[in-house]
Amino acid sequence: MPTIHLVAERAATGRVREIYDEIKAVLGTSFVPVNFRAAAHNPDHLEAYWRQYKSIMEEGSVAKPIKEILAMVVSALNNCEP
């Protein structure tokens, strides 16, 4: 049984809904990944986590596609849900 409450997209309102919409737009997905849904119980935490994630993925000397592949592999190795 999960110990962290995931905020479903259909239940998201206010700032969480806005951040979810931005996440989907920036990532180019039709869903919000589970790691962000786990952080959404606290809108301030979700926002800080999302800003950090964007910074890591957008900046630095490693190309974004390489970072995305690494994230996908780590998620798969950890049996993460989408």
N, C-alpha and C. Protein backbone atom coordinates (compact mmCIF):
# COMPACT_ATOMS: atom_id res chain seq x y z
N MET A 1 0.84 -1.18 0.00
CA MET A 1 0.00 0.00 0.00
C MET A 1 0.89 1.24 0.00
N PRO A 2 0.58 2.22 -0.88
CA PRO A 2 1.40 3.43 -0.95
C PRO A 2 1.37 4.21 0.36
N THR A 3 2.49 4.81 0.68
CA THR A 3 2.56 5.63 1.88
C THR A 3 2.51 7.12 1.55
N ILE A 4 2.61 7.46 0.28
CA ILE A 4 2.54 8.85 -0.16
C ILE A 4 1.28 9.03 -0.98
N HIS A 5 0.49 10.01 -0.60
CA HIS A 5 -0.74 10.32 -1.33
C HIS A 5 -0.39 10.98 -2.66
N LEU A 6 -0.88 10.42 -3.75
CA LEU A 6 -0.69 11.00 -5.07
C LEU A 6 -1.90 11.87 -5.39
N VAL A 7 -1.67 13.08 -5.85
CA VAL A 7 -2.76 13.97 -6.23
C VAL A 7 -3.08 13.71 -7.70
N ALA A 8 -4.24 13.10 -7.94
CA ALA A 8 -4.67 12.79 -9.30
C ALA A 8 -4.89 14.07 -10.09
N GLU A 9 -4.65 14.00 -11.39
CA GLU A 9 -4.85 15.18 -12.23
C GLU A 9 -6.28 15.69 -12.15
N ARG A 10 -7.24 14.79 -12.12
CA ARG A 10 -8.65 15.20 -12.09
C ARG A 10 -9.02 15.87 -10.77
N ALA A 11 -8.21 15.65 -9.73
CA ALA A 11 -8.48 16.24 -8.42
C ALA A 11 -7.70 17.53 -8.19
N ALA A 12 -6.78 17.85 -9.07
CA ALA A 12 -5.92 19.02 -8.89
C ALA A 12 -6.69 20.31 -9.15
N THR A 13 -6.47 21.28 -8.28
CA THR A 13 -7.10 22.60 -8.42
C THR A 13 -6.07 23.68 -8.13
N GLY A 14 -6.42 24.90 -8.44
CA GLY A 14 -5.58 26.05 -8.11
C GLY A 14 -4.17 25.96 -8.65
N ARG A 15 -3.19 26.26 -7.79
CA ARG A 15 -1.78 26.25 -8.19
C ARG A 15 -1.33 24.89 -8.67
N VAL A 16 -1.82 23.84 -8.01
CA VAL A 16 -1.42 22.49 -8.42
C VAL A 16 -1.88 22.24 -9.86
N ARG A 17 -3.09 22.62 -10.20
CA ARG A 17 -3.59 22.46 -11.57
C ARG A 17 -2.73 23.25 -12.54
N GLU A 18 -2.38 24.48 -12.18
CA GLU A 18 -1.55 25.31 -13.06
C GLU A 18 -0.17 24.67 -13.28
N ILE A 19 0.42 24.17 -12.22
CA ILE A 19 1.74 23.53 -12.35
C ILE A 19 1.63 22.24 -13.15
N TYR A 20 0.58 21.46 -12.91
CA TYR A 20 0.36 20.24 -13.69
C TYR A 20 0.26 20.59 -15.18
N ASP A 21 -0.48 21.62 -15.51
CA ASP A 21 -0.62 22.01 -16.92
C ASP A 21 0.73 22.42 -17.51
N GLU A 22 1.53 23.13 -16.73
CA GLU A 22 2.86 23.53 -17.21
C GLU A 22 3.76 22.31 -17.38
N ILE A 23 3.70 21.39 -16.44
CA ILE A 23 4.51 20.17 -16.53
C ILE A 23 4.20 19.43 -17.83
N LYS A 24 2.93 19.24 -18.10
CA LYS A 24 2.55 18.52 -19.32
C LYS A 24 2.98 19.28 -20.58
N ALA A 25 2.84 20.61 -20.56
CA ALA A 25 3.24 21.40 -21.73
C ALA A 25 4.75 21.35 -21.95
N VAL A 26 5.52 21.52 -20.89
CA VAL A 26 6.98 21.53 -21.02
C VAL A 26 7.52 20.15 -21.38
N LEU A 27 6.97 19.12 -20.74
CA LEU A 27 7.45 17.76 -21.01
C LEU A 27 6.88 17.18 -22.30
N GLY A 28 5.81 17.80 -22.81
CA GLY A 28 5.19 17.30 -24.03
C GLY A 28 4.47 15.98 -23.83
N THR A 29 3.88 15.80 -22.64
CA THR A 29 3.18 14.57 -22.33
C THR A 29 1.69 14.86 -22.10
N SER A 30 0.90 13.81 -22.12
CA SER A 30 -0.53 13.95 -21.85
C SER A 30 -0.86 13.61 -20.40
N PHE A 31 0.17 13.38 -19.59
CA PHE A 31 -0.02 13.00 -18.19
C PHE A 31 1.05 13.66 -17.33
N VAL A 32 0.78 13.73 -16.04
CA VAL A 32 1.75 14.24 -15.07
C VAL A 32 2.45 13.03 -14.46
N PRO A 33 3.77 12.94 -14.58
CA PRO A 33 4.49 11.80 -14.02
C PRO A 33 4.27 11.66 -12.51
N VAL A 34 4.38 10.45 -12.05
CA VAL A 34 4.07 10.11 -10.66
C VAL A 34 4.93 10.89 -9.66
N ASN A 35 6.16 11.19 -9.99
CA ASN A 35 7.01 11.92 -9.05
C ASN A 35 6.44 13.29 -8.72
N PHE A 36 5.83 13.95 -9.70
CA PHE A 36 5.22 15.25 -9.44
C PHE A 36 3.88 15.10 -8.71
N ARG A 37 3.13 14.06 -9.03
CA ARG A 37 1.87 13.83 -8.32
C ARG A 37 2.12 13.52 -6.84
N ALA A 38 3.26 12.91 -6.54
CA ALA A 38 3.61 12.62 -5.15
C ALA A 38 3.95 13.88 -4.38
N ALA A 39 4.50 14.87 -5.06
CA ALA A 39 4.87 16.12 -4.39
C ALA A 39 3.72 17.11 -4.29
N ALA A 40 2.63 16.85 -4.99
CA ALA A 40 1.55 17.83 -5.13
C ALA A 40 0.69 18.01 -3.89
N HIS A 41 0.86 17.18 -2.89
CA HIS A 41 0.08 17.36 -1.66
C HIS A 41 0.43 18.68 -0.99
N ASN A 42 1.60 19.23 -1.34
CA ASN A 42 2.05 20.52 -0.82
C ASN A 42 2.41 21.38 -2.04
N PRO A 43 1.54 22.33 -2.41
CA PRO A 43 1.80 23.13 -3.61
C PRO A 43 3.15 23.84 -3.62
N ASP A 44 3.62 24.31 -2.45
CA ASP A 44 4.93 24.96 -2.40
C ASP A 44 6.04 23.98 -2.74
N HIS A 45 5.93 22.77 -2.21
CA HIS A 45 6.93 21.74 -2.48
C HIS A 45 6.91 21.35 -3.96
N LEU A 46 5.71 21.17 -4.51
CA LEU A 46 5.58 20.83 -5.93
C LEU A 46 6.23 21.90 -6.79
N GLU A 47 5.94 23.15 -6.49
CA GLU A 47 6.49 24.24 -7.29
C GLU A 47 8.02 24.27 -7.21
N ALA A 48 8.57 24.11 -6.01
CA ALA A 48 10.02 24.11 -5.85
C ALA A 48 10.66 22.92 -6.58
N TYR A 49 10.03 21.77 -6.46
CA TYR A 49 10.54 20.57 -7.13
C TYR A 49 10.50 20.74 -8.64
N TRP A 50 9.41 21.28 -9.16
CA TRP A 50 9.27 21.50 -10.60
C TRP A 50 10.32 22.49 -11.10
N ARG A 51 10.54 23.58 -10.37
CA ARG A 51 11.56 24.56 -10.77
C ARG A 51 12.95 23.92 -10.80
N GLN A 52 13.25 23.11 -9.78
CA GLN A 52 14.55 22.45 -9.73
C GLN A 52 14.69 21.47 -10.90
N TYR A 53 13.65 20.70 -11.16
CA TYR A 53 13.66 19.74 -12.26
C TYR A 53 13.92 20.45 -13.59
N LYS A 54 13.17 21.54 -13.83
CA LYS A 54 13.36 22.29 -15.08
C LYS A 54 14.78 22.81 -15.19
N SER A 55 15.32 23.32 -14.10
CA SER A 55 16.67 23.85 -14.11
C SER A 55 17.68 22.76 -14.46
N ILE A 56 17.53 21.62 -13.85
CA ILE A 56 18.44 20.50 -14.12
C ILE A 56 18.34 20.05 -15.57
N MET A 57 17.13 19.95 -16.07
CA MET A 57 16.94 19.43 -17.43
C MET A 57 17.30 20.44 -18.51
N GLU A 58 17.14 21.73 -18.23
CA GLU A 58 17.36 22.75 -19.25
C GLU A 58 18.77 23.31 -19.28
N GLU A 59 19.48 23.26 -18.15
CA GLU A 59 20.79 23.89 -18.07
C GLU A 59 21.89 22.84 -18.01
N GLY A 60 23.12 23.29 -18.13
CA GLY A 60 24.27 22.40 -18.00
C GLY A 60 24.84 21.98 -19.33
N SER A 61 25.91 21.21 -19.27
CA SER A 61 26.63 20.82 -20.49
C SER A 61 26.13 19.51 -21.11
N VAL A 62 25.32 18.75 -20.38
CA VAL A 62 24.77 17.51 -20.92
C VAL A 62 23.48 17.85 -21.67
N ALA A 63 23.34 17.35 -22.87
CA ALA A 63 22.17 17.65 -23.69
C ALA A 63 20.89 17.10 -23.06
N LYS A 64 19.81 17.86 -23.22
CA LYS A 64 18.53 17.47 -22.64
C LYS A 64 18.09 16.07 -23.05
N PRO A 65 18.22 15.67 -24.33
CA PRO A 65 17.81 14.31 -24.70
C PRO A 65 18.55 13.22 -23.92
N ILE A 66 19.84 13.45 -23.64
CA ILE A 66 20.61 12.48 -22.84
C ILE A 66 20.06 12.42 -21.42
N LYS A 67 19.76 13.58 -20.84
CA LYS A 67 19.19 13.62 -19.50
C LYS A 67 17.83 12.90 -19.46
N GLU A 68 17.03 13.08 -20.50
CA GLU A 68 15.72 12.43 -20.55
C GLU A 68 15.87 10.91 -20.64
N ILE A 69 16.82 10.45 -21.43
CA ILE A 69 17.07 9.01 -21.54
C ILE A 69 17.52 8.45 -20.19
N LEU A 70 18.43 9.16 -19.53
CA LEU A 70 18.90 8.71 -18.22
C LEU A 70 17.75 8.65 -17.21
N ALA A 71 16.89 9.66 -17.23
CA ALA A 71 15.74 9.66 -16.32
C ALA A 71 14.82 8.49 -16.60
N MET A 72 14.61 8.19 -17.87
CA MET A 72 13.74 7.07 -18.25
C MET A 72 14.35 5.74 -17.79
N VAL A 73 15.64 5.56 -17.98
CA VAL A 73 16.30 4.32 -17.58
C VAL A 73 16.24 4.15 -16.06
N VAL A 74 16.52 5.21 -15.33
CA VAL A 74 16.48 5.12 -13.86
C VAL A 74 15.06 4.80 -13.39
N SER A 75 14.07 5.44 -14.01
CA SER A 75 12.68 5.16 -13.66
C SER A 75 12.33 3.70 -13.92
N ALA A 76 12.76 3.18 -15.06
CA ALA A 76 12.48 1.79 -15.41
C ALA A 76 13.17 0.84 -14.42
N LEU A 77 14.40 1.12 -14.08
CA LEU A 77 15.13 0.28 -13.13
C LEU A 77 14.48 0.29 -11.75
N ASN A 78 13.83 1.40 -11.42
CA ASN A 78 13.15 1.52 -10.13
C ASN A 78 11.69 1.10 -10.18
N ASN A 79 11.27 0.55 -11.34
CA ASN A 79 9.88 0.10 -11.52
C ASN A 79 8.87 1.21 -11.25
N CYS A 80 9.19 2.42 -11.71
CA CYS A 80 8.29 3.55 -11.50
C CYS A 80 7.14 3.52 -12.49
N GLU A 81 6.00 4.03 -12.04
CA GLU A 81 4.84 4.18 -12.90
C GLU A 81 5.00 5.46 -13.70
N PRO A 82 4.27 5.60 -14.83
CA PRO A 82 4.28 6.88 -15.56
C PRO A 82 3.58 7.96 -14.79
